[in-house]
Amino acid sequence: WEPDLNLQLRLQAKVAIFTGDTVANRWTQLTATGRESYGITPAPGTAIPDALDYIKEPDQSHFCVLSLNLTHIDVLHLGDRHRRATFRQSQDWQGQWVAP
């Protein structure tokens, strides 16, 4: 949602998840501080007795890279008269007006 433009976008994609040796080069490109974010014990969201009662140790097994293949775009403009269009990869991204 982009309020200044009154524009809403919805995107659909197929996602591939890459881990382990496949993303080792990406892991080494992270800063030391960045790598620490992928090794918090206990796991994020776990209740802890004190605010700082956790450990940060880099762990590449918690790191992955997502690759998205966009398949569908839905664009809605909320103006005086709403307009909506869809675009699909399966239709060579040719736009189609649809009812808002």
PDB file of N, CA and C in Angstrom:
ATOM      1  N   TRP A   1       0.841  -1.171   0.000  1.00  0.00           N
ATOM      2  CA  TRP A   1       0.000   0.000   0.000  1.00  0.00           C
ATOM      3  C   TRP A   1       0.885   1.232   0.000  1.00  0.00           C
ATOM      4  N   GLU A   2       0.646   2.128  -0.942  1.00  0.00           N
ATOM      5  CA  GLU A   2       1.357   3.406  -1.012  1.00  0.00           C
ATOM      6  C   GLU A   2       0.315   4.499  -0.849  1.00  0.00           C
ATOM      7  N   PRO A   3       0.157   5.031   0.381  1.00  0.00           N
ATOM      8  CA  PRO A   3      -0.924   5.985   0.647  1.00  0.00           C
ATOM      9  C   PRO A   3      -0.827   7.277  -0.154  1.00  0.00           C
ATOM     10  N   ASP A   4       0.365   7.781  -0.428  1.00  0.00           N
ATOM     11  CA  ASP A   4       0.480   9.030  -1.175  1.00  0.00           C
ATOM     12  C   ASP A   4      -0.044   8.892  -2.604  1.00  0.00           C
ATOM     13  N   LEU A   5       0.027   7.700  -3.161  1.00  0.00           N
ATOM     14  CA  LEU A   5      -0.444   7.455  -4.533  1.00  0.00           C
ATOM     15  C   LEU A   5      -1.794   6.744  -4.566  1.00  0.00           C
ATOM     16  N   ASN A   6      -2.322   6.373  -3.393  1.00  0.00           N
ATOM     17  CA  ASN A   6      -3.551   5.566  -3.320  1.00  0.00           C
ATOM     18  C   ASN A   6      -3.423   4.295  -4.155  1.00  0.00           C
ATOM     19  N   LEU A   7      -2.286   3.650  -4.036  1.00  0.00           N
ATOM     20  CA  LEU A   7      -1.977   2.499  -4.874  1.00  0.00           C
ATOM     21  C   LEU A   7      -1.681   1.272  -4.017  1.00  0.00           C
ATOM     22  N   GLN A   8      -2.330   0.170  -4.352  1.00  0.00           N
ATOM     23  CA  GLN A   8      -2.106  -1.100  -3.662  1.00  0.00           C
ATOM     24  C   GLN A   8      -1.560  -2.105  -4.656  1.00  0.00           C
ATOM     25  N   LEU A   9      -0.479  -2.786  -4.300  1.00  0.00           N
ATOM     26  CA  LEU A   9       0.107  -3.825  -5.139  1.00  0.00           C
ATOM     27  C   LEU A   9       0.037  -5.158  -4.415  1.00  0.00           C
ATOM     28  N   ARG A  10      -0.327  -6.195  -5.139  1.00  0.00           N
ATOM     29  CA  ARG A  10      -0.248  -7.556  -4.615  1.00  0.00           C
ATOM     30  C   ARG A  10       0.584  -8.354  -5.606  1.00  0.00           C
ATOM     31  N   LEU A  11       1.591  -9.030  -5.085  1.00  0.00           N
ATOM     32  CA  LEU A  11       2.499  -9.805  -5.922  1.00  0.00           C
ATOM     33  C   LEU A  11       2.438 -11.266  -5.511  1.00  0.00           C
ATOM     34  N   GLN A  12       2.463 -12.153  -6.495  1.00  0.00           N
ATOM     35  CA  GLN A  12       2.558 -13.582  -6.228  1.00  0.00           C
ATOM     36  C   GLN A  12       3.828 -14.088  -6.884  1.00  0.00           C
ATOM     37  N   ALA A  13       4.484 -15.030  -6.208  1.00  0.00           N
ATOM     38  CA  ALA A  13       5.742 -15.550  -6.725  1.00  0.00           C
ATOM     39  C   ALA A  13       5.924 -16.995  -6.299  1.00  0.00           C
ATOM     40  N   LYS A  14       6.717 -17.719  -7.070  1.00  0.00           N
ATOM     41  CA  LYS A  14       7.189 -19.042  -6.666  1.00  0.00           C
ATOM     42  C   LYS A  14       8.537 -18.818  -6.002  1.00  0.00           C
ATOM     43  N   VAL A  15       8.744 -19.456  -4.876  1.00  0.00           N
ATOM     44  CA  VAL A  15       9.944 -19.217  -4.083  1.00  0.00           C
ATOM     45  C   VAL A  15      10.794 -20.480  -4.006  1.00  0.00           C
ATOM     46  N   ALA A  16      12.090 -20.316  -4.247  1.00  0.00           N
ATOM     47  CA  ALA A  16      13.054 -21.395  -4.037  1.00  0.00           C
ATOM     48  C   ALA A  16      13.916 -20.999  -2.844  1.00  0.00           C
ATOM     49  N   ILE A  17      14.192 -21.967  -1.972  1.00  0.00           N
ATOM     50  CA  ILE A  17      14.987 -21.723  -0.767  1.00  0.00           C
ATOM     51  C   ILE A  17      16.334 -22.432  -0.930  1.00  0.00           C
ATOM     52  N   PHE A  18      17.411 -21.656  -0.783  1.00  0.00           N
ATOM     53  CA  PHE A  18      18.759 -22.206  -0.919  1.00  0.00           C
ATOM     54  C   PHE A  18      19.469 -22.142   0.427  1.00  0.00           C
ATOM     55  N   THR A  19      20.155 -23.223   0.795  1.00  0.00           N
ATOM     56  CA  THR A  19      20.843 -23.313   2.080  1.00  0.00           C
ATOM     57  C   THR A  19      22.200 -23.999   1.895  1.00  0.00           C
ATOM     58  N   GLY A  20      22.932 -24.096   2.993  1.00  0.00           N
ATOM     59  CA  GLY A  20      24.169 -24.880   3.031  1.00  0.00           C
ATOM     60  C   GLY A  20      25.254 -24.370   2.104  1.00  0.00           C
ATOM     61  N   ASP A  21      25.954 -25.304   1.450  1.00  0.00           N
ATOM     62  CA  ASP A  21      27.073 -24.959   0.577  1.00  0.00           C
ATOM     63  C   ASP A  21      26.658 -24.049  -0.575  1.00  0.00           C
ATOM     64  N   THR A  22      25.407 -24.161  -0.997  1.00  0.00           N
ATOM     65  CA  THR A  22      24.912 -23.348  -2.110  1.00  0.00           C
ATOM     66  C   THR A  22      24.985 -21.855  -1.803  1.00  0.00           C
ATOM     67  N   VAL A  23      24.858 -21.489  -0.527  1.00  0.00           N
ATOM     68  CA  VAL A  23      24.854 -20.081  -0.152  1.00  0.00           C
ATOM     69  C   VAL A  23      26.067 -19.690   0.695  1.00  0.00           C
ATOM     70  N   ALA A  24      27.069 -20.552   0.746  1.00  0.00           N
ATOM     71  CA  ALA A  24      28.250 -20.279   1.572  1.00  0.00           C
ATOM     72  C   ALA A  24      28.925 -18.964   1.182  1.00  0.00           C
ATOM     73  N   ASN A  25      28.982 -18.673  -0.122  1.00  0.00           N
ATOM     74  CA  ASN A  25      29.611 -17.415  -0.545  1.00  0.00           C
ATOM     75  C   ASN A  25      28.827 -16.203  -0.041  1.00  0.00           C
ATOM     76  N   ARG A  26      27.507 -16.293   0.025  1.00  0.00           N
ATOM     77  CA  ARG A  26      26.687 -15.198   0.553  1.00  0.00           C
ATOM     78  C   ARG A  26      26.910 -15.038   2.059  1.00  0.00           C
ATOM     79  N   TRP A  27      27.038 -16.172   2.755  1.00  0.00           N
ATOM     80  CA  TRP A  27      27.272 -16.153   4.196  1.00  0.00           C
ATOM     81  C   TRP A  27      28.573 -15.411   4.511  1.00  0.00           C
ATOM     82  N   THR A  28      29.615 -15.677   3.751  1.00  0.00           N
ATOM     83  CA  THR A  28      30.903 -15.026   4.026  1.00  0.00           C
ATOM     84  C   THR A  28      30.870 -13.538   3.691  1.00  0.00           C
ATOM     85  N   GLN A  29      29.932 -13.107   2.870  1.00  0.00           N
ATOM     86  CA  GLN A  29      29.814 -11.690   2.536  1.00  0.00           C
ATOM     87  C   GLN A  29      29.138 -10.874   3.637  1.00  0.00           C
ATOM     88  N   LEU A  30      28.464 -11.548   4.565  1.00  0.00           N
ATOM     89  CA  LEU A  30      27.828 -10.835   5.675  1.00  0.00           C
ATOM     90  C   LEU A  30      28.888 -10.324   6.633  1.00  0.00           C
ATOM     91  N   THR A  31      28.599  -9.221   7.287  1.00  0.00           N
ATOM     92  CA  THR A  31      29.495  -8.736   8.334  1.00  0.00           C
ATOM     93  C   THR A  31      29.404  -9.683   9.530  1.00  0.00           C
ATOM     94  N   ALA A  32      30.359  -9.595  10.425  1.00  0.00           N
ATOM     95  CA  ALA A  32      30.329 -10.424  11.631  1.00  0.00           C
ATOM     96  C   ALA A  32      29.044 -10.166  12.421  1.00  0.00           C
ATOM     97  N   THR A  33      28.653  -8.916  12.515  1.00  0.00           N
ATOM     98  CA  THR A  33      27.412  -8.561  13.213  1.00  0.00           C
ATOM     99  C   THR A  33      26.206  -9.163  12.504  1.00  0.00           C
ATOM    100  N   GLY A  34      26.208  -9.133  11.183  1.00  0.00           N
ATOM    101  CA  GLY A  34      25.119  -9.718  10.414  1.00  0.00           C
ATOM    102  C   GLY A  34      25.021 -11.221  10.632  1.00  0.00           C
ATOM    103  N   ARG A  35      26.165 -11.909  10.657  1.00  0.00           N
ATOM    104  CA  ARG A  35      26.164 -13.357  10.876  1.00  0.00           C
ATOM    105  C   ARG A  35      25.639 -13.713  12.269  1.00  0.00           C
ATOM    106  N   GLU A  36      25.896 -12.854  13.255  1.00  0.00           N
ATOM    107  CA  GLU A  36      25.403 -13.125  14.611  1.00  0.00           C
ATOM    108  C   GLU A  36      23.887 -13.201  14.662  1.00  0.00           C
ATOM    109  N   SER A  37      23.210 -12.514  13.770  1.00  0.00           N
ATOM    110  CA  SER A  37      21.743 -12.530  13.757  1.00  0.00           C
ATOM    111  C   SER A  37      21.184 -13.892  13.389  1.00  0.00           C
ATOM    112  N   TYR A  38      22.026 -14.780  12.857  1.00  0.00           N
ATOM    113  CA  TYR A  38      21.584 -16.119  12.458  1.00  0.00           C
ATOM    114  C   TYR A  38      22.099 -17.166  13.437  1.00  0.00           C
ATOM    115  N   GLY A  39      22.039 -16.893  14.714  1.00  0.00           N
ATOM    116  CA  GLY A  39      22.474 -17.875  15.691  1.00  0.00           C
ATOM    117  C   GLY A  39      22.093 -17.486  17.097  1.00  0.00           C
ATOM    118  N   ILE A  40      20.859 -17.070  17.283  1.00  0.00           N
ATOM    119  CA  ILE A  40      20.411 -16.651  18.606  1.00  0.00           C
ATOM    120  C   ILE A  40      19.837 -17.854  19.351  1.00  0.00           C
ATOM    121  N   THR A  41      20.320 -18.031  20.595  1.00  0.00           N
ATOM    122  CA  THR A  41      19.835 -19.106  21.459  1.00  0.00           C
ATOM    123  C   THR A  41      19.330 -18.481  22.746  1.00  0.00           C
ATOM    124  N   PRO A  42      18.112 -18.787  23.156  1.00  0.00           N
ATOM    125  CA  PRO A  42      17.147 -19.666  22.499  1.00  0.00           C
ATOM    126  C   PRO A  42      16.591 -19.028  21.234  1.00  0.00           C
ATOM    127  N   ALA A  43      15.827 -19.791  20.482  1.00  0.00           N
ATOM    128  CA  ALA A  43      15.279 -19.331  19.202  1.00  0.00           C
ATOM    129  C   ALA A  43      14.452 -18.060  19.370  1.00  0.00           C
ATOM    130  N   PRO A  44      14.473 -17.176  18.371  1.00  0.00           N
ATOM    131  CA  PRO A  44      13.665 -15.953  18.428  1.00  0.00           C
ATOM    132  C   PRO A  44      12.203 -16.264  18.770  1.00  0.00           C
ATOM    133  N   GLY A  45      11.645 -15.449  19.646  1.00  0.00           N
ATOM    134  CA  GLY A  45      10.252 -15.620  20.068  1.00  0.00           C
ATOM    135  C   GLY A  45      10.093 -16.455  21.325  1.00  0.00           C
ATOM    136  N   THR A  46      11.174 -17.114  21.763  1.00  0.00           N
ATOM    137  CA  THR A  46      11.122 -17.920  22.978  1.00  0.00           C
ATOM    138  C   THR A  46      11.092 -17.003  24.200  1.00  0.00           C
ATOM    139  N   ALA A  47      10.249 -17.314  25.161  1.00  0.00           N
ATOM    140  CA  ALA A  47      10.190 -16.527  26.396  1.00  0.00           C
ATOM    141  C   ALA A  47      11.500 -16.690  27.157  1.00  0.00           C
ATOM    142  N   ILE A  48      12.024 -15.569  27.680  1.00  0.00           N
ATOM    143  CA  ILE A  48      13.258 -15.587  28.472  1.00  0.00           C
ATOM    144  C   ILE A  48      13.021 -14.839  29.776  1.00  0.00           C
ATOM    145  N   PRO A  49      13.724 -15.232  30.850  1.00  0.00           N
ATOM    146  CA  PRO A  49      13.465 -14.608  32.150  1.00  0.00           C
ATOM    147  C   PRO A  49      13.924 -13.155  32.251  1.00  0.00           C
ATOM    148  N   ASP A  50      14.976 -12.792  31.534  1.00  0.00           N
ATOM    149  CA  ASP A  50      15.493 -11.431  31.568  1.00  0.00           C
ATOM    150  C   ASP A  50      15.710 -10.924  30.148  1.00  0.00           C
ATOM    151  N   ALA A  51      15.693  -9.611  29.958  1.00  0.00           N
ATOM    152  CA  ALA A  51      15.773  -8.993  28.630  1.00  0.00           C
ATOM    153  C   ALA A  51      17.010  -9.416  27.838  1.00  0.00           C
ATOM    154  N   LEU A  52      18.128  -9.660  28.518  1.00  0.00           N
ATOM    155  CA  LEU A  52      19.372  -9.990  27.814  1.00  0.00           C
ATOM    156  C   LEU A  52      19.791 -11.437  28.038  1.00  0.00           C
ATOM    157  N   ASP A  53      18.859 -12.300  28.369  1.00  0.00           N
ATOM    158  CA  ASP A  53      19.157 -13.703  28.650  1.00  0.00           C
ATOM    159  C   ASP A  53      19.126 -14.539  27.372  1.00  0.00           C
ATOM    160  N   TYR A  54      20.021 -14.203  26.445  1.00  0.00           N
ATOM    161  CA  TYR A  54      20.173 -14.956  25.203  1.00  0.00           C
ATOM    162  C   TYR A  54      21.629 -14.874  24.768  1.00  0.00           C
ATOM    163  N   ILE A  55      22.009 -15.750  23.849  1.00  0.00           N
ATOM    164  CA  ILE A  55      23.379 -15.806  23.334  1.00  0.00           C
ATOM    165  C   ILE A  55      23.320 -15.644  21.818  1.00  0.00           C
ATOM    166  N   LYS A  56      24.254 -14.873  21.277  1.00  0.00           N
ATOM    167  CA  LYS A  56      24.353 -14.707  19.821  1.00  0.00           C
ATOM    168  C   LYS A  56      25.637 -15.381  19.348  1.00  0.00           C
ATOM    169  N   GLU A  57      25.500 -16.482  18.606  1.00  0.00           N
ATOM    170  CA  GLU A  57      26.636 -17.184  18.018  1.00  0.00           C
ATOM    171  C   GLU A  57      26.297 -17.501  16.571  1.00  0.00           C
ATOM    172  N   PRO A  58      27.094 -17.000  15.631  1.00  0.00           N
ATOM    173  CA  PRO A  58      26.798 -17.244  14.216  1.00  0.00           C
ATOM    174  C   PRO A  58      26.621 -18.736  13.920  1.00  0.00           C
ATOM    175  N   ASP A  59      25.592 -19.063  13.155  1.00  0.00           N
ATOM    176  CA  ASP A  59      25.310 -20.453  12.778  1.00  0.00           C
ATOM    177  C   ASP A  59      24.728 -20.453  11.366  1.00  0.00           C
ATOM    178  N   GLN A  60      25.558 -20.837  10.403  1.00  0.00           N
ATOM    179  CA  GLN A  60      25.131 -20.795   9.001  1.00  0.00           C
ATOM    180  C   GLN A  60      23.931 -21.699   8.736  1.00  0.00           C
ATOM    181  N   SER A  61      23.693 -22.699   9.574  1.00  0.00           N
ATOM    182  CA  SER A  61      22.543 -23.582   9.331  1.00  0.00           C
ATOM    183  C   SER A  61      21.213 -22.849   9.502  1.00  0.00           C
ATOM    184  N   HIS A  62      21.243 -21.650  10.089  1.00  0.00           N
ATOM    185  CA  HIS A  62      20.031 -20.844  10.234  1.00  0.00           C
ATOM    186  C   HIS A  62      19.887 -19.815   9.120  1.00  0.00           C
ATOM    187  N   PHE A  63      20.784 -19.833   8.157  1.00  0.00           N
ATOM    188  CA  PHE A  63      20.818 -18.842   7.078  1.00  0.00           C
ATOM    189  C   PHE A  63      20.333 -19.477   5.781  1.00  0.00           C
ATOM    190  N   CYS A  64      19.532 -18.732   5.024  1.00  0.00           N
ATOM    191  CA  CYS A  64      19.109 -19.206   3.708  1.00  0.00           C
ATOM    192  C   CYS A  64      18.966 -18.003   2.782  1.00  0.00           C
ATOM    193  N   VAL A  65      18.881 -18.282   1.499  1.00  0.00           N
ATOM    194  CA  VAL A  65      18.641 -17.260   0.481  1.00  0.00           C
ATOM    195  C   VAL A  65      17.362 -17.654  -0.247  1.00  0.00           C
ATOM    196  N   LEU A  66      16.458 -16.693  -0.377  1.00  0.00           N
ATOM    197  CA  LEU A  66      15.214 -16.932  -1.102  1.00  0.00           C
ATOM    198  C   LEU A  66      15.325 -16.342  -2.504  1.00  0.00           C
ATOM    199  N   SER A  67      14.906 -17.109  -3.485  1.00  0.00           N
ATOM    200  CA  SER A  67      14.863 -16.632  -4.868  1.00  0.00           C
ATOM    201  C   SER A  67      13.402 -16.646  -5.307  1.00  0.00           C
ATOM    202  N   LEU A  68      12.905 -15.479  -5.679  1.00  0.00           N
ATOM    203  CA  LEU A  68      11.501 -15.362  -6.068  1.00  0.00           C
ATOM    204  C   LEU A  68      11.366 -15.238  -7.582  1.00  0.00           C
ATOM    205  N   ASN A  69      10.443 -15.984  -8.136  1.00  0.00           N
ATOM    206  CA  ASN A  69      10.089 -15.896  -9.543  1.00  0.00           C
ATOM    207  C   ASN A  69       8.676 -15.321  -9.597  1.00  0.00           C
ATOM    208  N   LEU A  70       8.571 -14.048  -9.897  1.00  0.00           N
ATOM    209  CA  LEU A  70       7.294 -13.358  -9.909  1.00  0.00           C
ATOM    210  C   LEU A  70       6.373 -13.974 -10.960  1.00  0.00           C
ATOM    211  N   THR A  71       5.123 -14.275 -10.562  1.00  0.00           N
ATOM    212  CA  THR A  71       4.172 -14.910 -11.479  1.00  0.00           C
ATOM    213  C   THR A  71       2.916 -14.074 -11.735  1.00  0.00           C
ATOM    214  N   HIS A  72       2.591 -13.136 -10.824  1.00  0.00           N
ATOM    215  CA  HIS A  72       1.337 -12.405 -10.952  1.00  0.00           C
ATOM    216  C   HIS A  72       1.460 -11.062 -10.237  1.00  0.00           C
ATOM    217  N   ILE A  73       0.956 -10.015 -10.863  1.00  0.00           N
ATOM    218  CA  ILE A  73       0.914  -8.686 -10.259  1.00  0.00           C
ATOM    219  C   ILE A  73      -0.523  -8.186 -10.339  1.00  0.00           C
ATOM    220  N   ASP A  74      -1.023  -7.691  -9.220  1.00  0.00           N
ATOM    221  CA  ASP A  74      -2.364  -7.117  -9.146  1.00  0.00           C
ATOM    222  C   ASP A  74      -2.190  -5.675  -8.661  1.00  0.00           C
ATOM    223  N   VAL A  75      -2.655  -4.713  -9.465  1.00  0.00           N
ATOM    224  CA  VAL A  75      -2.492  -3.293  -9.161  1.00  0.00           C
ATOM    225  C   VAL A  75      -3.875  -2.675  -8.983  1.00  0.00           C
ATOM    226  N   LEU A  76      -4.073  -2.012  -7.840  1.00  0.00           N
ATOM    227  CA  LEU A  76      -5.349  -1.369  -7.555  1.00  0.00           C
ATOM    228  C   LEU A  76      -5.096   0.088  -7.214  1.00  0.00           C
ATOM    229  N   HIS A  77      -5.755   0.998  -7.970  1.00  0.00           N
ATOM    230  CA  HIS A  77      -5.669   2.430  -7.686  1.00  0.00           C
ATOM    231  C   HIS A  77      -6.998   2.865  -7.086  1.00  0.00           C
ATOM    232  N   LEU A  78      -6.925   3.452  -5.885  1.00  0.00           N
ATOM    233  CA  LEU A  78      -8.131   3.892  -5.189  1.00  0.00           C
ATOM    234  C   LEU A  78      -8.297   5.397  -5.360  1.00  0.00           C
ATOM    235  N   GLY A  79      -8.903   5.783  -6.470  1.00  0.00           N
ATOM    236  CA  GLY A  79      -9.166   7.189  -6.751  1.00  0.00           C
ATOM    237  C   GLY A  79     -10.657   7.467  -6.659  1.00  0.00           C
ATOM    238  N   ASP A  80     -11.093   8.571  -7.277  1.00  0.00           N
ATOM    239  CA  ASP A  80     -12.523   8.859  -7.318  1.00  0.00           C
ATOM    240  C   ASP A  80     -13.270   7.686  -7.940  1.00  0.00           C
ATOM    241  N   ARG A  81     -12.672   7.123  -8.976  1.00  0.00           N
ATOM    242  CA  ARG A  81     -13.173   5.888  -9.585  1.00  0.00           C
ATOM    243  C   ARG A  81     -12.025   4.896  -9.537  1.00  0.00           C
ATOM    244  N   HIS A  82     -12.219   3.802  -8.814  1.00  0.00           N
ATOM    245  CA  HIS A  82     -11.162   2.810  -8.644  1.00  0.00           C
ATOM    246  C   HIS A  82     -10.841   2.139  -9.977  1.00  0.00           C
ATOM    247  N   ARG A  83      -9.561   1.835 -10.164  1.00  0.00           N
ATOM    248  CA  ARG A  83      -9.101   1.107 -11.349  1.00  0.00           C
ATOM    249  C   ARG A  83      -8.206  -0.040 -10.892  1.00  0.00           C
ATOM    250  N   ARG A  84      -8.318  -1.169 -11.577  1.00  0.00           N
ATOM    251  CA  ARG A  84      -7.529  -2.346 -11.209  1.00  0.00           C
ATOM    252  C   ARG A  84      -7.097  -3.075 -12.467  1.00  0.00           C
ATOM    253  N   ALA A  85      -5.855  -3.537 -12.453  1.00  0.00           N
ATOM    254  CA  ALA A  85      -5.323  -4.316 -13.578  1.00  0.00           C
ATOM    255  C   ALA A  85      -4.514  -5.481 -13.028  1.00  0.00           C
ATOM    256  N   THR A  86      -4.466  -6.556 -13.799  1.00  0.00           N
ATOM    257  CA  THR A  86      -3.640  -7.703 -13.431  1.00  0.00           C
ATOM    258  C   THR A  86      -2.659  -7.990 -14.563  1.00  0.00           C
ATOM    259  N   PHE A  87      -1.537  -8.548 -14.180  1.00  0.00           N
ATOM    260  CA  PHE A  87      -0.483  -8.929 -15.119  1.00  0.00           C
ATOM    261  C   PHE A  87      -0.013 -10.321 -14.724  1.00  0.00           C
ATOM    262  N   ARG A  88       0.082 -11.222 -15.700  1.00  0.00           N
ATOM    263  CA  ARG A  88       0.476 -12.604 -15.413  1.00  0.00           C
ATOM    264  C   ARG A  88       1.665 -13.004 -16.288  1.00  0.00           C
ATOM    265  N   GLN A  89       2.610 -13.664 -15.643  1.00  0.00           N
ATOM    266  CA  GLN A  89       3.780 -14.170 -16.363  1.00  0.00           C
ATOM    267  C   GLN A  89       3.336 -15.123 -17.473  1.00  0.00           C
ATOM    268  N   SER A  90       2.321 -15.948 -17.184  1.00  0.00           N
ATOM    269  CA  SER A  90       1.850 -16.938 -18.158  1.00  0.00           C
ATOM    270  C   SER A  90       1.221 -16.292 -19.391  1.00  0.00           C
ATOM    271  N   GLN A  91       0.951 -14.989 -19.324  1.00  0.00           N
ATOM    272  CA  GLN A  91       0.376 -14.264 -20.466  1.00  0.00           C
ATOM    273  C   GLN A  91       1.368 -13.223 -20.968  1.00  0.00           C
ATOM    274  N   ASP A  92       2.661 -13.514 -20.838  1.00  0.00           N
ATOM    275  CA  ASP A  92       3.734 -12.619 -21.276  1.00  0.00           C
ATOM    276  C   ASP A  92       3.578 -11.213 -20.696  1.00  0.00           C
ATOM    277  N   TRP A  93       3.063 -11.144 -19.479  1.00  0.00           N
ATOM    278  CA  TRP A  93       2.920  -9.888 -18.746  1.00  0.00           C
ATOM    279  C   TRP A  93       2.017  -8.866 -19.440  1.00  0.00           C
ATOM    280  N   GLN A  94       1.116  -9.355 -20.291  1.00  0.00           N
ATOM    281  CA  GLN A  94       0.143  -8.455 -20.909  1.00  0.00           C
ATOM    282  C   GLN A  94      -0.894  -8.082 -19.846  1.00  0.00           C
ATOM    283  N   GLY A  95      -1.132  -6.791 -19.661  1.00  0.00           N
ATOM    284  CA  GLY A  95      -2.073  -6.328 -18.665  1.00  0.00           C
ATOM    285  C   GLY A  95      -3.519  -6.559 -19.069  1.00  0.00           C
ATOM    286  N   GLN A  96      -4.375  -6.696 -18.058  1.00  0.00           N
ATOM    287  CA  GLN A  96      -5.805  -6.885 -18.283  1.00  0.00           C
ATOM    288  C   GLN A  96      -6.557  -6.064 -17.239  1.00  0.00           C
ATOM    289  N   TRP A  97      -7.425  -5.172 -17.700  1.00  0.00           N
ATOM    290  CA  TRP A  97      -8.273  -4.457 -16.750  1.00  0.00           C
ATOM    291  C   TRP A  97      -9.245  -5.432 -16.140  1.00  0.00           C
ATOM    292  N   VAL A  98      -9.462  -5.305 -14.838  1.00  0.00           N
ATOM    293  CA  VAL A  98     -10.438  -6.143 -14.139  1.00  0.00           C
ATOM    294  C   VAL A  98     -11.254  -5.248 -13.209  1.00  0.00           C
ATOM    295  N   ALA A  99     -12.413  -5.720 -12.818  1.00  0.00           N
ATOM    296  CA  ALA A  99     -13.252  -4.937 -11.903  1.00  0.00           C
ATOM    297  C   ALA A  99     -12.539  -4.774 -10.560  1.00  0.00           C
ATOM    298  N   PRO A 100     -12.602  -3.572 -10.023  1.00  0.00           N
ATOM    299  CA  PRO A 100     -11.919  -3.337  -8.741  1.00  0.00           C
ATOM    300  C   PRO A 100     -12.646  -4.004  -7.597  1.00  0.00           C
TER     301      PRO A 100
END
